């Protein structure tokens, strides 16, 4: 099963370090994949959930275990031309496909082999191919 740290969180939601590039690198070093929120603005990439906060370069986003959630349409336009960044876009869709062909599932709409998002509900782990969580350590 693919274990994905949501925004670099390991042991709970709401950390001030969410989407912090240094924290993301540290979590990657522990062997987890990481989902990050990325923006494209003024010809630069940024990480941040509600707004572009931490500037990063394209090479950072190319890491093979980073899953990039595009947060604005400018990021989508940029990423769709960049084949080496693993990205997806969703809002409240039940599922979406990443550009690498993975099924990203909205909570409560898990499908066989998809990536589930942990929001505290019961999930049949034998069904899914991966888990994205703020508390990813509990699935290790």
N, C-alpha and C. Protein backbone atom coordinates (compact mmCIF):
# COMPACT_ATOMS: atom_id res chain seq x y z
N UNK A 1 0.84 -1.18 0.00
CA UNK A 1 0.00 0.00 0.00
C UNK A 1 0.89 1.24 0.00
N UNK A 2 0.52 2.24 -0.78
CA UNK A 2 1.24 3.51 -0.82
C UNK A 2 0.79 4.34 0.38
N UNK A 3 1.74 4.81 1.18
CA UNK A 3 1.44 5.64 2.35
C UNK A 3 1.85 7.08 2.03
N UNK A 4 0.85 7.97 2.05
CA UNK A 4 1.07 9.36 1.64
C UNK A 4 0.76 10.29 2.80
N UNK A 5 1.76 11.04 3.20
CA UNK A 5 1.60 12.05 4.24
C UNK A 5 0.89 13.26 3.63
N UNK A 6 -0.22 13.65 4.23
CA UNK A 6 -1.00 14.79 3.76
C UNK A 6 -0.30 16.08 4.17
N UNK A 7 0.24 16.81 3.18
CA UNK A 7 0.92 18.09 3.40
C UNK A 7 2.16 17.98 4.29
N UNK A 8 2.69 16.78 4.47
CA UNK A 8 3.86 16.59 5.32
C UNK A 8 3.53 16.29 6.76
N UNK A 9 2.25 16.17 7.08
CA UNK A 9 1.85 15.84 8.45
C UNK A 9 2.10 14.36 8.71
N UNK A 10 2.57 14.06 9.92
CA UNK A 10 2.80 12.67 10.32
C UNK A 10 1.91 12.24 11.47
N UNK A 11 1.59 13.17 12.36
CA UNK A 11 0.88 12.81 13.59
C UNK A 11 -0.24 13.77 13.92
N UNK A 12 -0.99 14.18 12.91
CA UNK A 12 -2.13 15.05 13.18
C UNK A 12 -2.20 16.24 12.25
N UNK A 13 -3.38 16.78 12.15
CA UNK A 13 -3.70 17.88 11.24
C UNK A 13 -3.40 19.23 11.88
N UNK A 14 -3.20 20.21 11.02
CA UNK A 14 -3.14 21.59 11.47
C UNK A 14 -1.77 22.09 11.87
N UNK A 15 -0.74 21.36 11.54
CA UNK A 15 0.61 21.81 11.88
C UNK A 15 0.95 23.09 11.14
N UNK A 16 1.66 23.97 11.80
CA UNK A 16 2.13 25.19 11.14
C UNK A 16 3.14 24.87 10.05
N UNK A 17 3.64 23.63 10.05
CA UNK A 17 4.63 23.20 9.06
C UNK A 17 4.02 22.54 7.83
N UNK A 18 2.70 22.54 7.70
CA UNK A 18 2.09 21.95 6.52
C UNK A 18 2.63 22.60 5.25
N UNK A 19 2.93 21.78 4.27
CA UNK A 19 3.43 22.25 2.97
C UNK A 19 4.77 22.99 3.07
N UNK A 20 5.47 22.82 4.17
CA UNK A 20 6.79 23.43 4.31
C UNK A 20 7.80 22.54 3.57
N UNK A 21 8.54 23.08 2.60
CA UNK A 21 9.45 22.25 1.82
C UNK A 21 10.47 21.47 2.66
N UNK A 22 10.98 22.05 3.72
CA UNK A 22 11.94 21.34 4.56
C UNK A 22 11.27 20.14 5.22
N UNK A 23 10.07 20.33 5.74
CA UNK A 23 9.34 19.24 6.38
C UNK A 23 9.01 18.16 5.34
N UNK A 24 8.60 18.57 4.15
CA UNK A 24 8.29 17.61 3.09
C UNK A 24 9.52 16.75 2.80
N UNK A 25 10.69 17.37 2.68
CA UNK A 25 11.93 16.61 2.44
C UNK A 25 12.21 15.64 3.59
N UNK A 26 12.00 16.09 4.82
CA UNK A 26 12.22 15.22 5.98
C UNK A 26 11.30 14.00 5.94
N UNK A 27 10.03 14.22 5.60
CA UNK A 27 9.06 13.13 5.55
C UNK A 27 9.39 12.17 4.40
N UNK A 28 9.83 12.70 3.27
CA UNK A 28 10.28 11.85 2.17
C UNK A 28 11.45 10.98 2.63
N UNK A 29 12.34 11.57 3.42
CA UNK A 29 13.48 10.84 3.95
C UNK A 29 13.09 9.69 4.87
N UNK A 30 11.91 9.76 5.45
CA UNK A 30 11.40 8.67 6.29
C UNK A 30 10.77 7.55 5.46
N UNK A 31 10.66 7.76 4.15
CA UNK A 31 10.13 6.73 3.27
C UNK A 31 8.68 6.90 2.84
N UNK A 32 8.02 7.93 3.34
CA UNK A 32 6.63 8.17 2.95
C UNK A 32 6.57 8.99 1.67
N UNK A 33 5.49 8.83 0.91
CA UNK A 33 5.15 9.76 -0.14
C UNK A 33 4.53 10.98 0.54
N UNK A 34 4.44 12.11 -0.17
CA UNK A 34 3.84 13.31 0.40
C UNK A 34 2.94 13.98 -0.63
N UNK A 35 1.73 14.32 -0.20
CA UNK A 35 0.83 15.14 -1.01
C UNK A 35 1.05 16.58 -0.60
N UNK A 36 1.26 17.46 -1.61
CA UNK A 36 1.45 18.88 -1.34
C UNK A 36 0.45 19.68 -2.16
N UNK A 37 0.16 20.88 -1.69
CA UNK A 37 -0.72 21.80 -2.39
C UNK A 37 0.16 22.82 -3.10
N UNK A 38 0.02 22.91 -4.43
CA UNK A 38 0.91 23.78 -5.21
C UNK A 38 0.14 24.82 -6.01
N UNK A 39 0.70 25.99 -6.05
CA UNK A 39 0.18 27.15 -6.77
C UNK A 39 1.21 27.59 -7.79
N UNK A 40 0.74 28.23 -8.86
CA UNK A 40 1.64 28.89 -9.80
C UNK A 40 1.17 30.33 -9.89
N UNK A 41 2.08 31.23 -9.59
CA UNK A 41 1.73 32.66 -9.55
C UNK A 41 2.98 33.47 -9.86
N UNK A 42 2.84 34.49 -10.69
CA UNK A 42 3.96 35.39 -11.03
C UNK A 42 5.18 34.61 -11.49
N UNK A 43 4.94 33.59 -12.32
CA UNK A 43 6.01 32.79 -12.92
C UNK A 43 6.79 31.96 -11.91
N UNK A 44 6.19 31.66 -10.75
CA UNK A 44 6.86 30.86 -9.72
C UNK A 44 5.89 29.84 -9.15
N UNK A 45 6.46 28.74 -8.64
CA UNK A 45 5.68 27.73 -7.93
C UNK A 45 5.76 27.98 -6.44
N UNK A 46 4.66 27.69 -5.76
CA UNK A 46 4.58 27.85 -4.31
C UNK A 46 3.83 26.66 -3.73
N UNK A 47 4.14 26.33 -2.48
CA UNK A 47 3.33 25.40 -1.70
C UNK A 47 2.51 26.19 -0.71
N UNK A 48 1.34 25.68 -0.38
CA UNK A 48 0.47 26.30 0.61
C UNK A 48 -0.96 25.85 0.38
N UNK A 49 -1.70 25.65 1.44
CA UNK A 49 -3.07 25.16 1.27
C UNK A 49 -4.03 26.26 0.84
N UNK A 50 -4.13 27.31 1.61
CA UNK A 50 -5.10 28.36 1.31
C UNK A 50 -4.55 29.49 0.46
N UNK A 51 -3.23 29.57 0.36
CA UNK A 51 -2.58 30.62 -0.41
C UNK A 51 -1.16 30.19 -0.73
N UNK A 52 -0.56 30.75 -1.78
CA UNK A 52 0.83 30.44 -2.08
C UNK A 52 1.73 30.99 -0.98
N UNK A 53 2.48 30.11 -0.31
CA UNK A 53 3.23 30.49 0.88
C UNK A 53 4.73 30.25 0.76
N UNK A 54 5.11 29.02 0.38
CA UNK A 54 6.53 28.63 0.34
C UNK A 54 6.96 28.46 -1.11
N UNK A 55 7.87 29.30 -1.58
CA UNK A 55 8.35 29.17 -2.95
C UNK A 55 9.18 27.90 -3.10
N UNK A 56 8.95 27.18 -4.19
CA UNK A 56 9.72 25.98 -4.52
C UNK A 56 10.05 26.02 -6.01
N UNK A 57 11.05 25.24 -6.40
CA UNK A 57 11.37 25.18 -7.81
C UNK A 57 10.75 23.94 -8.45
N UNK A 58 10.82 23.91 -9.76
CA UNK A 58 10.23 22.82 -10.52
C UNK A 58 10.85 21.48 -10.14
N UNK A 59 12.15 21.47 -9.90
CA UNK A 59 12.84 20.22 -9.55
C UNK A 59 12.29 19.62 -8.25
N UNK A 60 11.95 20.47 -7.30
CA UNK A 60 11.36 20.00 -6.04
C UNK A 60 10.08 19.22 -6.34
N UNK A 61 9.24 19.75 -7.20
CA UNK A 61 7.94 19.14 -7.51
C UNK A 61 8.08 17.87 -8.35
N UNK A 62 9.24 17.67 -8.97
CA UNK A 62 9.48 16.49 -9.80
C UNK A 62 9.81 15.24 -8.97
N UNK A 63 9.98 15.37 -7.67
CA UNK A 63 10.35 14.22 -6.86
C UNK A 63 9.34 13.09 -7.12
N UNK A 64 9.80 11.87 -7.36
CA UNK A 64 8.88 10.79 -7.74
C UNK A 64 7.89 10.37 -6.66
N UNK A 65 8.09 10.80 -5.41
CA UNK A 65 7.14 10.42 -4.36
C UNK A 65 6.33 11.63 -3.86
N UNK A 66 6.35 12.72 -4.62
CA UNK A 66 5.50 13.87 -4.30
C UNK A 66 4.28 13.85 -5.21
N UNK A 67 3.12 13.93 -4.58
CA UNK A 67 1.83 14.01 -5.27
C UNK A 67 1.36 15.45 -5.17
N UNK A 68 1.24 16.14 -6.29
CA UNK A 68 0.96 17.57 -6.30
C UNK A 68 -0.52 17.82 -6.57
N UNK A 69 -1.17 18.45 -5.59
CA UNK A 69 -2.56 18.90 -5.75
C UNK A 69 -2.50 20.33 -6.27
N UNK A 70 -2.83 20.51 -7.55
CA UNK A 70 -2.84 21.85 -8.15
C UNK A 70 -3.96 22.66 -7.52
N UNK A 71 -3.63 23.84 -7.02
CA UNK A 71 -4.62 24.64 -6.28
C UNK A 71 -5.20 25.80 -7.08
N UNK A 72 -4.59 26.15 -8.21
CA UNK A 72 -5.19 27.19 -9.05
C UNK A 72 -5.06 26.79 -10.51
N UNK A 73 -5.86 27.43 -11.36
CA UNK A 73 -5.87 27.06 -12.78
C UNK A 73 -4.54 27.35 -13.45
N UNK A 74 -3.81 28.36 -12.98
CA UNK A 74 -2.48 28.63 -13.53
C UNK A 74 -1.55 27.44 -13.30
N UNK A 75 -1.66 26.80 -12.13
CA UNK A 75 -0.85 25.61 -11.86
C UNK A 75 -1.26 24.47 -12.80
N UNK A 76 -2.55 24.28 -13.01
CA UNK A 76 -3.02 23.24 -13.93
C UNK A 76 -2.43 23.47 -15.32
N UNK A 77 -2.53 24.70 -15.80
CA UNK A 77 -2.00 25.02 -17.14
C UNK A 77 -0.52 24.71 -17.23
N UNK A 78 0.22 25.02 -16.20
CA UNK A 78 1.66 24.77 -16.18
C UNK A 78 1.97 23.28 -16.10
N UNK A 79 1.29 22.58 -15.18
CA UNK A 79 1.58 21.17 -14.97
C UNK A 79 1.20 20.30 -16.17
N UNK A 80 0.17 20.66 -16.89
CA UNK A 80 -0.25 19.80 -18.00
C UNK A 80 0.79 19.76 -19.11
N UNK A 81 1.72 20.70 -19.12
CA UNK A 81 2.83 20.69 -20.09
C UNK A 81 4.08 20.04 -19.51
N UNK A 82 4.07 19.72 -18.22
CA UNK A 82 5.26 19.20 -17.54
C UNK A 82 5.00 17.75 -17.15
N UNK A 83 5.42 16.83 -17.94
CA UNK A 83 5.11 15.43 -17.77
C UNK A 83 5.77 14.78 -16.56
N UNK A 84 6.81 15.38 -16.01
CA UNK A 84 7.55 14.72 -14.93
C UNK A 84 7.04 15.07 -13.53
N UNK A 85 6.04 15.92 -13.43
CA UNK A 85 5.42 16.24 -12.14
C UNK A 85 4.15 15.41 -12.01
N UNK A 86 4.01 14.69 -10.89
CA UNK A 86 2.81 13.88 -10.64
C UNK A 86 1.77 14.78 -9.97
N UNK A 87 0.71 15.13 -10.71
CA UNK A 87 -0.24 16.11 -10.21
C UNK A 87 -1.68 15.68 -10.47
N UNK A 88 -2.58 16.36 -9.77
CA UNK A 88 -4.02 16.17 -9.97
C UNK A 88 -4.72 17.46 -9.57
N UNK A 89 -5.95 17.56 -9.99
CA UNK A 89 -6.82 18.68 -9.63
C UNK A 89 -8.15 18.09 -9.19
N UNK A 90 -8.66 18.56 -8.09
CA UNK A 90 -10.03 18.20 -7.70
C UNK A 90 -10.54 19.25 -6.74
N UNK A 91 -11.85 19.31 -6.65
CA UNK A 91 -12.50 20.17 -5.66
C UNK A 91 -13.36 19.28 -4.79
N UNK A 92 -14.57 18.98 -5.24
CA UNK A 92 -15.43 18.08 -4.46
C UNK A 92 -15.84 16.87 -5.27
N UNK A 93 -15.07 16.56 -6.32
CA UNK A 93 -15.36 15.40 -7.15
C UNK A 93 -15.25 14.12 -6.32
N UNK A 94 -16.04 13.13 -6.65
CA UNK A 94 -15.99 11.86 -5.92
C UNK A 94 -14.66 11.16 -6.16
N UNK A 95 -14.16 11.23 -7.37
CA UNK A 95 -12.83 10.73 -7.70
C UNK A 95 -12.23 11.63 -8.77
N UNK A 96 -10.93 11.57 -8.90
CA UNK A 96 -10.27 12.20 -10.03
C UNK A 96 -9.07 11.33 -10.39
N UNK A 97 -8.55 11.52 -11.57
CA UNK A 97 -7.36 10.79 -12.01
C UNK A 97 -6.15 11.70 -11.93
N UNK A 98 -5.05 11.17 -11.42
CA UNK A 98 -3.80 11.91 -11.50
C UNK A 98 -3.28 11.77 -12.92
N UNK A 99 -2.35 12.63 -13.30
CA UNK A 99 -1.81 12.53 -14.65
C UNK A 99 -0.98 11.25 -14.85
N UNK A 100 -0.64 10.54 -13.76
CA UNK A 100 0.05 9.26 -13.87
C UNK A 100 -0.92 8.08 -13.81
N UNK A 101 -2.24 8.36 -13.82
CA UNK A 101 -3.24 7.31 -13.91
C UNK A 101 -3.74 6.73 -12.61
N UNK A 102 -3.40 7.33 -11.48
CA UNK A 102 -3.92 6.87 -10.19
C UNK A 102 -5.29 7.49 -9.94
N UNK A 103 -6.15 6.74 -9.26
CA UNK A 103 -7.47 7.24 -8.90
C UNK A 103 -7.38 7.85 -7.50
N UNK A 104 -7.63 9.16 -7.40
CA UNK A 104 -7.62 9.88 -6.13
C UNK A 104 -9.08 9.96 -5.67
N UNK A 105 -9.38 9.41 -4.50
CA UNK A 105 -10.76 9.28 -4.04
C UNK A 105 -11.12 10.31 -2.98
N UNK A 106 -12.23 10.96 -3.18
CA UNK A 106 -12.78 11.86 -2.17
C UNK A 106 -13.24 10.99 -0.99
N UNK A 107 -13.10 11.47 0.24
CA UNK A 107 -13.51 10.66 1.40
C UNK A 107 -14.93 10.11 1.26
N UNK A 108 -15.05 8.81 1.53
CA UNK A 108 -16.34 8.14 1.44
C UNK A 108 -16.66 7.57 0.07
N UNK A 109 -15.74 7.76 -0.89
CA UNK A 109 -15.98 7.29 -2.26
C UNK A 109 -14.81 6.45 -2.77
N UNK A 110 -14.29 5.59 -1.91
CA UNK A 110 -13.14 4.78 -2.25
C UNK A 110 -13.50 3.76 -3.33
N UNK A 111 -12.54 3.51 -4.21
CA UNK A 111 -12.69 2.49 -5.25
C UNK A 111 -11.49 1.56 -5.18
N UNK A 112 -11.67 0.36 -5.70
CA UNK A 112 -10.61 -0.64 -5.67
C UNK A 112 -9.33 -0.08 -6.31
N UNK A 113 -8.25 -0.14 -5.55
CA UNK A 113 -6.96 0.31 -6.03
C UNK A 113 -6.73 1.81 -5.95
N UNK A 114 -7.74 2.56 -5.54
CA UNK A 114 -7.61 4.01 -5.48
C UNK A 114 -6.83 4.48 -4.25
N UNK A 115 -6.58 5.76 -4.23
CA UNK A 115 -5.92 6.40 -3.09
C UNK A 115 -7.02 7.00 -2.21
N UNK A 116 -7.15 6.47 -1.00
CA UNK A 116 -8.17 6.94 -0.06
C UNK A 116 -7.63 8.12 0.75
N UNK A 117 -8.52 8.97 1.17
CA UNK A 117 -8.17 10.10 2.03
C UNK A 117 -8.79 9.89 3.40
N UNK A 118 -7.93 9.85 4.39
CA UNK A 118 -8.33 9.56 5.76
C UNK A 118 -8.89 10.82 6.43
N UNK A 119 -10.17 10.77 6.74
CA UNK A 119 -10.78 11.86 7.51
C UNK A 119 -11.49 11.27 8.73
N UNK A 120 -11.00 10.12 9.18
CA UNK A 120 -11.53 9.52 10.38
C UNK A 120 -12.61 8.48 10.17
N UNK A 121 -13.06 8.29 8.93
CA UNK A 121 -14.10 7.29 8.68
C UNK A 121 -13.46 5.91 8.54
N UNK A 122 -14.26 4.88 8.64
CA UNK A 122 -13.79 3.51 8.47
C UNK A 122 -13.52 3.26 6.99
N UNK A 123 -12.34 2.77 6.66
CA UNK A 123 -11.97 2.48 5.28
C UNK A 123 -11.51 1.04 5.20
N UNK A 124 -12.00 0.32 4.21
CA UNK A 124 -11.57 -1.05 3.97
C UNK A 124 -10.20 -0.99 3.30
N UNK A 125 -9.15 -1.20 4.08
CA UNK A 125 -7.79 -1.07 3.57
C UNK A 125 -7.45 -2.13 2.54
N UNK A 126 -8.18 -3.24 2.52
CA UNK A 126 -7.93 -4.26 1.51
C UNK A 126 -8.43 -3.82 0.13
N UNK A 127 -9.27 -2.80 0.11
CA UNK A 127 -9.84 -2.30 -1.14
C UNK A 127 -8.91 -1.30 -1.83
N UNK A 128 -8.26 -0.45 -1.07
CA UNK A 128 -7.53 0.68 -1.64
C UNK A 128 -6.07 0.33 -1.92
N UNK A 129 -5.48 1.12 -2.80
CA UNK A 129 -4.07 0.92 -3.14
C UNK A 129 -3.15 1.86 -2.38
N UNK A 130 -3.75 2.84 -1.71
CA UNK A 130 -2.96 3.80 -0.96
C UNK A 130 -3.82 4.58 -0.01
N UNK A 131 -3.15 5.23 0.93
CA UNK A 131 -3.84 6.04 1.94
C UNK A 131 -3.11 7.36 2.07
N UNK A 132 -3.85 8.46 2.06
CA UNK A 132 -3.32 9.79 2.32
C UNK A 132 -3.91 10.24 3.65
N UNK A 133 -3.03 10.62 4.58
CA UNK A 133 -3.50 10.93 5.92
C UNK A 133 -2.61 11.96 6.60
N UNK A 134 -3.22 12.74 7.51
CA UNK A 134 -2.46 13.64 8.39
C UNK A 134 -1.77 12.86 9.50
N UNK A 135 -2.18 11.61 9.68
CA UNK A 135 -1.62 10.75 10.72
C UNK A 135 -1.15 9.44 10.08
N UNK A 136 -0.32 9.57 9.06
CA UNK A 136 0.07 8.44 8.23
C UNK A 136 0.82 7.37 9.02
N UNK A 137 1.46 7.74 10.10
CA UNK A 137 2.20 6.75 10.90
C UNK A 137 1.31 5.63 11.39
N UNK A 138 0.04 5.89 11.61
CA UNK A 138 -0.83 4.84 12.14
C UNK A 138 -1.16 3.77 11.12
N UNK A 139 -0.84 4.01 9.84
CA UNK A 139 -1.07 3.02 8.80
C UNK A 139 0.20 2.24 8.45
N UNK A 140 1.32 2.64 9.03
CA UNK A 140 2.61 2.00 8.70
C UNK A 140 2.73 0.64 9.35
